[in-house]
Protein backbone atom coordinates (compact mmCIF):
# COMPACT_ATOMS: atom_id res chain seq x y z
CA MET A 1 -98.88 -66.02 -18.26
CA LEU A 2 -98.11 -62.31 -17.73
CA LYS A 3 -98.62 -59.79 -20.35
CA SER A 4 -96.22 -56.89 -20.49
CA VAL A 5 -96.15 -53.85 -22.76
CA GLU A 6 -93.27 -51.35 -23.17
CA GLY A 7 -93.99 -47.87 -24.16
CA VAL A 8 -92.91 -44.29 -23.72
CA LEU A 9 -94.31 -41.97 -20.88
CA GLU A 10 -95.47 -38.69 -22.45
CA PRO A 11 -94.99 -36.35 -20.99
CA ALA A 12 -91.76 -37.66 -19.79
CA PRO A 13 -90.33 -36.98 -16.54
CA ALA A 14 -86.75 -37.34 -18.27
CA GLU A 15 -85.51 -37.34 -21.76
CA ASN A 16 -86.40 -40.81 -23.33
CA ALA A 17 -88.32 -42.20 -20.29
CA ARG A 18 -89.55 -45.67 -21.10
CA VAL A 19 -92.11 -47.47 -19.16
CA LEU A 20 -92.99 -51.33 -18.79
CA VAL A 21 -96.31 -51.79 -17.70
CA THR A 22 -97.36 -55.50 -16.65
CA PHE A 23 -100.89 -57.04 -16.37
CA PHE A 24 -101.14 -59.43 -13.41
CA PRO A 25 -104.35 -61.74 -13.20
CA THR A 26 -106.84 -61.07 -10.59
CA VAL A 27 -106.42 -63.71 -7.68
CA THR A 28 -109.55 -64.31 -5.61
CA SER A 29 -107.85 -67.06 -3.30
CA ILE A 30 -104.54 -68.72 -3.01
CA ASN A 31 -104.31 -72.39 -2.73
CA LEU A 32 -101.76 -72.50 0.12
CA VAL A 33 -101.30 -76.52 -0.33
CA GLU A 34 -100.09 -75.91 -4.01
CA ARG A 35 -97.24 -73.23 -2.33
CA GLY A 36 -96.20 -76.11 0.23
CA ILE A 37 -98.12 -74.32 3.06
CA ASP A 38 -100.36 -76.90 5.51
CA PRO A 39 -103.08 -75.50 7.62
CA ALA A 40 -100.88 -75.72 10.62
CA ALA A 41 -98.29 -73.70 8.88
CA ALA A 42 -100.81 -71.28 7.69
CA GLY A 43 -101.80 -70.82 11.03
CA GLU A 44 -98.60 -69.95 12.57
CA LEU A 45 -98.08 -67.59 9.89
CA ARG A 46 -101.40 -65.94 10.54
CA GLY A 47 -100.35 -65.66 13.82
CA ARG A 48 -96.94 -64.11 13.43
CA LEU A 49 -98.37 -61.47 10.75
CA GLY A 50 -101.35 -60.53 13.33
CA ALA A 51 -98.59 -58.15 15.00
CA PHE A 52 -98.88 -56.06 11.81
CA VAL A 53 -102.66 -55.68 11.76
CA GLU A 54 -102.72 -52.57 14.08
CA GLY A 55 -100.49 -50.76 11.79
CA TRP A 56 -101.94 -52.02 8.50
CA ASP A 57 -105.49 -50.59 9.68
CA ARG A 58 -104.29 -47.05 10.51
CA PRO A 59 -105.98 -44.62 8.56
CA GLU A 60 -102.74 -43.07 7.18
CA MET A 61 -102.10 -46.67 5.50
CA ASP A 62 -104.77 -46.26 3.22
CA VAL A 63 -102.34 -44.23 0.72
CA TYR A 64 -100.86 -47.38 0.17
CA ASP A 65 -104.03 -49.23 -0.88
CA GLU A 66 -104.58 -46.36 -3.19
CA LEU A 67 -101.21 -46.53 -4.84
CA SER A 68 -101.59 -50.35 -5.65
CA SER A 69 -104.97 -49.89 -6.94
CA GLY A 70 -103.88 -47.31 -9.20
CA ARG A 71 -106.23 -44.69 -7.98
CA CYS A 72 -103.31 -42.12 -7.16
């Protein structure tokens, strides 16, 4: 179950700026079978997503890792 907390951002970028923070559980692995993805479908998906690997591995894409980790 997700936990969310509502609050007010201070200093606020705009008057009455409210925020909602949601805490997500740490996921170390995903059970694909529970999501209806069998090994053959997983392999096909992995192959299709492989076309994006070169772009994801570019140094300038690191900013997105920083944003998602909260380091920015």
